Protein backbone atom coordinates (compact mmCIF):
# COMPACT_ATOMS: atom_id res chain seq x y z
CA MET A 1 4.97 15.31 12.99
CA SER A 2 8.45 15.18 11.47
CA PHE A 3 9.14 17.24 8.38
CA VAL A 4 11.13 15.47 5.69
CA GLU A 5 13.51 17.76 3.82
CA LYS A 6 12.65 18.35 0.18
CA PRO A 7 14.86 19.67 -2.62
CA VAL A 8 15.24 23.45 -2.68
CA ILE A 9 15.34 25.70 -5.71
CA SER A 10 18.93 26.10 -6.86
CA LYS A 11 20.22 28.51 -9.48
CA VAL A 12 23.13 26.17 -10.05
CA SER A 13 21.25 22.90 -10.55
CA THR A 14 19.20 22.37 -13.70
CA LYS A 15 17.28 19.44 -12.26
CA LYS A 16 13.58 20.14 -11.96
CA ILE A 17 11.66 19.36 -8.77
CA ASN A 18 8.97 16.68 -9.01
CA LEU A 19 5.87 18.02 -7.22
CA LEU A 20 3.91 14.78 -7.49
CA GLY A 21 4.94 13.56 -4.03
CA TYR A 22 4.64 16.88 -2.18
CA ASP A 23 1.99 16.86 0.53
CA LEU A 24 0.25 20.12 1.48
CA ALA A 25 2.88 21.18 4.05
CA HIS A 26 5.74 20.68 1.60
CA MET A 27 3.80 22.27 -1.25
CA LYS A 28 3.18 25.41 0.85
CA ALA A 29 6.89 25.55 1.73
CA PHE A 30 7.75 25.24 -1.96
CA PHE A 31 5.52 28.15 -3.00
CA THR A 32 6.72 30.28 -0.12
CA GLU A 33 10.29 29.66 -1.26
CA ILE A 34 9.58 30.90 -4.77
CA GLY A 35 7.81 34.01 -3.44
CA GLU A 36 4.21 32.91 -3.95
CA LYS A 37 1.27 32.88 -1.56
CA PRO A 38 0.63 29.54 0.23
CA PHE A 39 -2.88 29.26 -1.27
CA ARG A 40 -1.20 28.33 -4.56
CA ALA A 41 -0.31 25.03 -2.91
CA VAL A 42 -3.97 24.08 -2.59
CA GLN A 43 -4.66 25.02 -6.21
CA VAL A 44 -1.80 22.96 -7.60
CA LEU A 45 -2.48 20.03 -5.25
CA LYS A 46 -6.05 19.82 -6.57
CA TRP A 47 -4.94 19.99 -10.19
CA ILE A 48 -2.41 17.21 -9.73
CA HIS A 49 -4.38 14.76 -7.60
CA GLN A 50 -8.07 15.51 -8.16
CA TYR A 51 -7.84 16.18 -11.89
CA GLY A 52 -4.80 14.06 -12.75
CA VAL A 53 -3.04 16.92 -14.52
CA ASP A 54 0.68 16.68 -15.31
CA ASN A 55 0.99 19.85 -17.39
CA PHE A 56 1.12 23.24 -15.68
CA GLU A 57 -0.46 24.90 -18.73
CA GLN A 58 -3.72 23.10 -17.97
CA MET A 59 -4.02 24.77 -14.54
CA SER A 60 -6.48 27.44 -15.66
CA ASN A 61 -6.90 29.23 -12.31
CA VAL A 62 -3.14 29.72 -11.95
CA SER A 63 -1.69 32.88 -13.52
CA GLN A 64 0.10 32.47 -16.83
CA THR A 65 3.27 33.94 -15.35
CA LEU A 66 3.33 31.40 -12.52
CA ARG A 67 2.55 28.55 -14.89
CA ALA A 68 5.54 29.52 -17.01
CA ASN A 69 7.77 29.78 -13.95
CA LEU A 70 6.64 26.40 -12.66
CA ALA A 71 7.40 24.80 -16.01
CA LYS A 72 10.99 26.05 -15.70
CA ILE A 73 11.68 24.74 -12.20
CA ALA A 74 9.30 21.85 -11.59
CA ILE A 75 7.67 18.80 -13.17
CA ILE A 76 4.85 16.39 -12.42
CA LYS A 77 6.31 13.04 -13.37
CA ALA A 78 5.11 9.51 -12.65
CA PRO A 79 6.66 6.12 -13.50
CA GLU A 80 5.95 4.67 -16.92
CA ILE A 81 3.41 1.88 -17.34
CA ILE A 82 5.11 -0.91 -19.25
CA MET A 83 2.39 -3.53 -18.87
CA GLU A 84 -1.30 -3.66 -17.96
CA GLN A 85 -2.92 -7.04 -17.30
CA LYS A 86 -6.58 -7.76 -16.64
CA ALA A 87 -7.69 -10.90 -14.84
CA GLY A 88 -10.89 -12.78 -15.50
CA ASP A 89 -12.34 -11.51 -12.20
CA GLY A 90 -11.76 -7.85 -13.11
CA THR A 91 -8.53 -7.41 -11.19
CA ILE A 92 -6.04 -5.15 -12.99
CA LYS A 93 -2.27 -5.23 -12.50
CA TRP A 94 0.14 -2.55 -13.70
CA LEU A 95 3.87 -3.03 -14.08
CA MET A 96 5.60 0.35 -13.74
CA ARG A 97 9.18 1.15 -14.73
CA LEU A 98 11.29 3.16 -12.32
CA ASP A 99 15.01 3.76 -12.83
CA SER A 100 18.05 1.59 -13.54
CA GLY A 101 15.92 -1.25 -14.83
CA ASN A 102 13.78 -1.64 -11.71
CA SER A 103 10.02 -1.95 -11.84
CA ILE A 104 7.16 -2.35 -9.35
CA GLU A 105 3.66 -3.78 -9.47
CA THR A 106 0.36 -2.23 -8.42
CA VAL A 107 -3.00 -4.01 -8.31
CA PHE A 108 -6.59 -2.76 -8.49
CA ILE A 109 -9.25 -5.09 -7.07
CA PRO A 110 -12.88 -4.22 -7.94
CA GLU A 111 -15.69 -5.47 -5.71
CA ASP A 112 -19.42 -4.83 -5.56
CA ASN A 113 -19.19 -2.15 -2.87
CA ARG A 114 -15.65 -0.84 -3.21
CA GLY A 115 -12.49 -0.65 -5.31
CA THR A 116 -9.21 -1.43 -3.56
CA LEU A 117 -5.77 -0.41 -4.78
CA CYS A 118 -2.79 -2.41 -3.48
CA ILE A 119 0.38 -0.35 -3.79
CA SER A 120 4.10 -0.98 -3.26
CA SER A 121 6.47 0.87 -0.93
CA GLN A 122 9.86 -0.59 -1.87
CA VAL A 123 11.66 -2.07 -4.85
CA GLY A 124 11.69 -5.66 -3.65
CA CYS A 125 11.77 -6.51 0.04
CA ALA A 126 14.48 -7.26 2.57
CA LEU A 127 12.39 -9.33 4.99
CA ASP A 128 12.85 -12.62 3.12
CA CYS A 129 9.61 -14.29 4.20
CA GLY A 130 9.67 -17.66 2.46
CA PHE A 131 6.01 -17.69 1.40
CA CYS A 132 6.20 -14.35 -0.46
CA SER A 133 7.30 -14.07 -4.08
CA THR A 134 8.42 -10.45 -3.59
CA ALA A 135 11.00 -11.56 -1.03
CA LYS A 136 12.59 -13.88 -3.60
CA GLN A 137 13.43 -10.83 -5.75
CA GLY A 138 15.75 -9.37 -3.13
CA PHE A 139 15.87 -5.69 -2.18
CA ASN A 140 17.04 -2.66 -4.14
CA ARG A 141 15.79 0.55 -2.53
CA ASN A 142 12.95 2.46 -0.92
CA LEU A 143 10.40 4.16 -3.14
CA THR A 144 10.22 7.95 -2.91
CA ALA A 145 6.99 9.64 -1.83
CA ASP A 146 6.25 10.60 -5.44
CA GLU A 147 6.75 6.98 -6.59
CA ILE A 148 4.36 5.74 -3.91
CA ILE A 149 1.57 8.27 -4.54
CA ALA A 150 2.15 7.95 -8.29
CA GLN A 151 0.64 4.47 -8.13
CA LEU A 152 -2.65 5.95 -6.92
CA TRP A 153 -2.38 8.84 -9.39
CA ILE A 154 -1.74 6.46 -12.31
CA ALA A 155 -4.48 4.04 -11.27
CA HIS A 156 -7.06 6.86 -11.17
CA ARG A 157 -6.05 8.00 -14.65
CA GLN A 158 -6.11 4.49 -16.08
CA LEU A 159 -9.49 3.67 -14.55
CA ARG A 160 -10.96 6.89 -15.90
CA LYS A 161 -9.74 5.89 -19.35
CA LEU A 162 -11.39 2.50 -18.92
CA ALA A 163 -14.59 4.21 -17.77
CA ALA A 164 -14.52 6.38 -20.89
CA ASP A 165 -14.27 3.21 -22.95
CA SER A 166 -17.06 1.46 -21.05
CA ASN A 167 -19.26 1.30 -24.11
CA ALA A 168 -16.66 -1.02 -25.57
CA GLY A 169 -16.93 -3.30 -22.55
CA GLY A 170 -13.69 -2.16 -20.93
CA VAL A 171 -14.98 -1.76 -17.37
CA GLU A 172 -17.73 -4.31 -17.00
CA LYS A 173 -16.00 -5.51 -13.83
CA LEU A 174 -15.67 -2.09 -12.18
CA PRO A 175 -18.06 -1.51 -9.26
CA THR A 176 -20.84 1.05 -9.76
CA ARG A 177 -22.62 3.43 -7.45
CA LYS A 178 -26.39 3.37 -7.11
CA ASN A 179 -26.71 6.12 -9.71
CA GLY A 180 -24.83 3.98 -12.21
CA VAL A 181 -21.71 6.17 -12.21
CA LYS A 182 -18.54 4.11 -12.35
CA LYS A 183 -16.75 3.99 -9.02
CA GLU A 184 -12.99 4.03 -8.89
CA ILE A 185 -10.74 3.67 -5.84
CA SER A 186 -12.37 3.76 -2.41
CA ASN A 187 -9.66 1.93 -0.43
CA VAL A 188 -5.86 1.88 -0.52
CA VAL A 189 -3.74 -0.83 1.10
CA LEU A 190 0.04 -0.66 1.33
CA MET A 191 0.36 -4.41 0.91
CA GLY A 192 2.30 -4.56 -2.34
CA MET A 193 6.04 -4.97 -2.72
CA GLY A 194 8.11 -4.11 0.34
CA GLU A 195 7.75 -3.46 4.07
CA PRO A 196 6.14 0.01 4.44
CA LEU A 197 7.53 0.70 7.90
CA LEU A 198 11.09 0.35 6.63
CA ASN A 199 10.32 3.37 4.41
CA LEU A 200 8.34 5.31 6.97
CA ASP A 201 9.04 8.93 5.98
CA ASN A 202 8.09 8.48 2.34
CA VAL A 203 5.09 6.29 3.18
CA VAL A 204 3.77 8.85 5.68
CA GLU A 205 4.04 11.71 3.20
CA ALA A 206 2.19 9.69 0.55
CA VAL A 207 -0.49 8.76 3.10
CA HIS A 208 -0.94 12.44 3.98
CA LEU A 209 -1.86 13.01 0.32
CA MET A 210 -4.27 10.07 0.35
CA LEU A 211 -6.11 11.57 3.34
CA ASP A 212 -5.97 15.23 2.28
CA ASP A 213 -9.34 16.62 1.14
CA HIS A 214 -7.47 18.67 -1.48
CA ALA A 215 -6.02 15.47 -2.93
CA TYR A 216 -7.80 12.10 -2.59
CA GLY A 217 -9.86 12.62 0.59
CA LEU A 218 -9.82 9.01 1.75
CA SER A 219 -10.91 8.21 5.31
CA LYS A 220 -8.54 6.75 7.89
CA ARG A 221 -10.44 3.48 7.86
CA ARG A 222 -9.95 3.16 4.11
CA VAL A 223 -6.17 3.52 4.09
CA THR A 224 -4.31 0.54 5.53
CA ILE A 225 -0.60 0.16 6.20
CA SER A 226 0.57 -3.43 6.37
CA THR A 227 3.61 -4.45 8.42
CA ALA A 228 5.39 -7.60 9.52
CA GLY A 229 6.14 -5.82 12.79
CA VAL A 230 9.00 -3.30 12.67
CA VAL A 231 8.53 -2.28 16.29
CA PRO A 232 10.43 1.06 16.48
CA ALA A 233 8.73 2.37 13.33
CA LEU A 234 5.35 1.07 14.50
CA LYS A 235 5.68 3.08 17.70
CA ARG A 236 6.68 6.18 15.74
CA LEU A 237 3.81 5.73 13.30
CA ARG A 238 1.32 6.78 15.98
CA GLU A 239 2.90 10.23 16.06
CA GLU A 240 3.12 10.53 12.27
CA CYS A 241 -0.18 9.28 10.87
CA ASP A 242 -3.46 7.81 11.95
CA VAL A 243 -4.74 5.10 9.61
CA SER A 244 -5.76 1.46 9.70
CA LEU A 245 -3.13 -1.18 10.38
CA ALA A 246 -2.71 -4.73 9.11
CA LEU A 247 -0.28 -6.95 10.99
CA SER A 248 1.19 -9.80 8.94
CA LEU A 249 1.28 -12.22 11.85
CA HIS A 250 1.01 -15.65 10.16
CA ALA A 251 1.75 -17.67 13.31
CA PRO A 252 0.40 -18.14 16.85
CA ASN A 253 3.80 -18.41 18.55
CA ASP A 254 7.43 -17.36 18.14
CA LYS A 255 8.69 -20.83 17.23
CA VAL A 256 6.49 -21.06 14.16
CA ARG A 257 6.88 -17.40 13.23
CA ASP A 258 10.67 -17.52 13.51
CA SER A 259 10.67 -20.18 10.79
CA ILE A 260 8.53 -18.27 8.28
CA VAL A 261 9.04 -14.56 9.16
CA PRO A 262 12.76 -13.94 9.87
CA LEU A 263 12.01 -10.47 11.30
CA ASN A 264 10.41 -12.21 14.29
CA LYS A 265 13.85 -13.18 15.60
CA LYS A 266 14.53 -9.47 16.16
CA TYR A 267 11.03 -8.39 17.18
CA PRO A 268 9.14 -11.29 18.80
CA ILE A 269 5.36 -11.45 18.87
CA HIS A 270 4.82 -10.00 22.35
CA GLU A 271 6.85 -6.89 21.46
CA ILE A 272 4.93 -6.44 18.22
CA LEU A 273 1.52 -6.77 19.87
CA ASP A 274 2.56 -4.31 22.59
CA ALA A 275 3.53 -1.84 19.85
CA CYS A 276 0.15 -2.39 18.18
CA ARG A 277 -1.65 -1.67 21.46
CA TYR A 278 0.39 1.53 21.76
CA TYR A 279 -0.49 2.53 18.20
CA PHE A 280 -4.25 2.14 18.68
CA ASN A 281 -4.35 3.27 22.30
CA GLY A 282 -7.70 1.49 22.68
CA ASN A 283 -9.32 3.41 19.81
CA THR A 284 -10.39 1.48 16.72
CA LYS A 285 -13.48 3.54 15.91
CA LYS A 286 -11.85 5.58 13.15
CA LYS A 287 -9.35 2.97 12.00
CA GLN A 288 -9.21 -0.80 11.79
CA PHE A 289 -6.79 -3.39 13.16
CA ILE A 290 -6.52 -6.42 10.92
CA ILE A 291 -4.53 -9.58 11.55
CA GLU A 292 -3.25 -11.16 8.34
CA TYR A 293 -2.66 -14.91 8.54
CA VAL A 294 -1.49 -16.88 5.49
CA MET A 295 -2.61 -20.51 5.61
CA LEU A 296 0.32 -22.91 5.07
CA ALA A 297 -0.37 -26.64 5.04
CA GLY A 298 1.23 -28.42 7.97
CA ILE A 299 2.97 -25.26 9.20
CA ASN A 300 0.44 -23.02 10.95
CA ASP A 301 -3.02 -24.41 10.12
CA SER A 302 -3.85 -26.95 12.83
CA GLU A 303 -6.76 -26.70 15.24
CA LYS A 304 -4.19 -26.31 18.02
CA ASN A 305 -2.71 -23.33 16.16
CA ALA A 306 -6.17 -21.77 15.88
CA ARG A 307 -6.86 -22.11 19.60
CA GLU A 308 -3.42 -20.73 20.42
CA LEU A 309 -4.05 -17.75 18.15
CA ALA A 310 -7.38 -17.09 19.86
CA VAL A 311 -5.62 -16.92 23.23
CA LEU A 312 -2.75 -14.81 21.88
CA LEU A 313 -5.07 -12.13 20.52
CA LYS A 314 -7.35 -12.00 23.57
CA LYS A 315 -8.50 -8.43 24.26
CA MET A 316 -7.01 -7.20 20.98
CA PRO A 317 -9.75 -5.28 19.09
CA CYS A 318 -8.97 -6.90 15.77
CA LYS A 319 -10.44 -8.63 12.74
CA ILE A 320 -8.70 -11.68 11.32
CA ASN A 321 -8.09 -12.31 7.62
CA LEU A 322 -7.17 -15.88 6.73
CA ILE A 323 -5.28 -15.86 3.44
CA PRO A 324 -5.06 -19.03 1.35
CA PHE A 325 -1.43 -19.34 0.30
CA ASN A 326 -0.94 -18.36 -3.33
CA PRO A 327 1.71 -20.67 -4.81
CA PHE A 328 4.69 -19.56 -6.88
CA PRO A 329 7.64 -21.57 -8.27
CA GLU A 330 10.04 -23.12 -5.73
CA SER A 331 8.27 -21.66 -2.70
CA GLY A 332 8.41 -24.96 -0.81
CA TYR A 333 4.97 -24.35 0.70
CA GLU A 334 1.49 -25.62 -0.04
CA CYS A 335 -1.87 -24.02 0.67
CA SER A 336 -3.94 -25.49 3.46
CA LYS A 337 -6.90 -27.62 2.45
CA ILE A 338 -10.22 -25.81 2.40
CA GLN A 339 -11.49 -28.03 5.21
CA ALA A 340 -8.56 -26.98 7.42
CA ILE A 341 -9.11 -23.30 6.59
CA ASN A 342 -12.80 -23.49 7.41
CA ARG A 343 -12.16 -25.34 10.68
CA PHE A 344 -9.53 -22.73 11.61
CA LYS A 345 -12.06 -19.98 10.88
CA ASP A 346 -14.79 -21.70 12.90
CA ILE A 347 -12.58 -21.98 15.98
CA LEU A 348 -11.71 -18.28 15.83
CA GLN A 349 -15.31 -17.26 15.28
CA GLN A 350 -16.44 -19.40 18.21
CA SER A 351 -13.84 -17.55 20.27
CA GLY A 352 -15.51 -14.25 19.39
CA TYR A 353 -13.32 -12.98 16.55
CA VAL A 354 -14.64 -11.50 13.31
CA THR A 355 -12.84 -13.82 10.91
CA MET A 356 -12.90 -13.89 7.12
CA VAL A 357 -11.25 -16.03 4.49
CA ARG A 358 -9.82 -13.74 1.87
CA LYS A 359 -11.01 -14.51 -1.62
CA THR A 360 -8.09 -15.04 -3.98
CA ARG A 361 -8.17 -12.36 -6.68
CA GLY A 362 -6.12 -11.95 -9.83
CA GLU A 363 -4.37 -15.29 -9.51
CA ASP A 364 -4.40 -15.82 -13.29
CA ILE A 365 -2.17 -12.75 -13.75
CA ASP A 366 -0.01 -13.35 -10.65
CA ALA A 367 -1.67 -10.44 -8.86
CA ALA A 368 -2.79 -12.33 -5.75
CA CYS A 369 -1.43 -11.75 -2.25
CA GLY A 370 2.28 -12.66 -2.06
CA GLN A 371 2.68 -13.00 -5.82
CA LEU A 372 3.89 -9.50 -6.76
CA ALA A 373 7.41 -9.65 -8.13
CA GLY A 374 8.10 -6.71 -10.45
CA LYS A 375 11.69 -6.52 -11.64
CA VAL A 376 14.31 -5.93 -8.98
CA ILE A 377 18.05 -5.47 -9.34
CA ASP A 378 18.97 -7.06 -6.03
CA LYS A 379 21.48 -4.92 -4.19
CA SER A 380 21.28 -6.54 -0.80
CA ARG A 381 19.69 -9.15 1.39
CA ARG A 382 20.26 -6.81 4.28
CA SER A 383 19.31 -7.95 7.76
CA ILE A 384 16.81 -5.81 9.64
């Protein structure tokens, strides 16, 4: 595993270190540097991520002297929520302000048996896929590890507030456990703004926190990284982290995919699928492989396309998610008819694939797949 350099304590600099994005390895290194025992890292990690604390004074099992020292050199700081929207189906979207006028969007999707948080990894996106609203915003920068994990940290805090207000009807759409206790986030998908594998180091560190039993303790199957197929980073991912993978394929051949996913011109389908095989190495027991396929009328939704996709994915241990296209202004695309989507699904199922049609959630607040826009000061349309 690579070790990303973190800021060191400097007597010259007055800038405090944000501990929110420090995974256990970095947290131990931090406490060692300031002359403390490594076990302090576990204590502070639990306070930050399990209890949602952002004030060192609240860390009651940490000595008063250390608390005072930490307050001088470090902070626990998350982005500011500037808007919270709730959809009729219970979906919640948060708009979070970063720096220099940029903002990102994060979405919580409650279901009967789970709660899924969709988080962003970049400010905007450089891939320029025509059917995605995020791509239309351009690209500004990668999110830091603390900005990525902050979305999970903030969502937990906000949902707990809603749970506390449940008597006022604030969380009637949140899923519940059998004992009636309100359930929060059971799954995390990096499917928000940006291409996660173009920000691999920061994404990996945030994922380490998601999996760490001292932080969020999520299982590998319940954390999913989505990618359009950045082959070099996909190969490296196997050495860095071990979670579920969602491939945004959207086409059964290179000709179609070249026209809707520009990245395909650099990394064609056969290279991407080879990298996916390398990543899983035949083992999908502890993690899932999901093929994402947005349904675009007259582009990729014919019966011929379905049969071609079935052949393309032969011997790939995957599940297929068919995603009805969620329209946005000036996209130039239309969603496939429901009859075409169902026929496409039937062909894949008859070919032996577990295939689902994703239910559109949060469409009334522009929180559905491909609709996240945030506010991006576009620096570049860089080519990948």
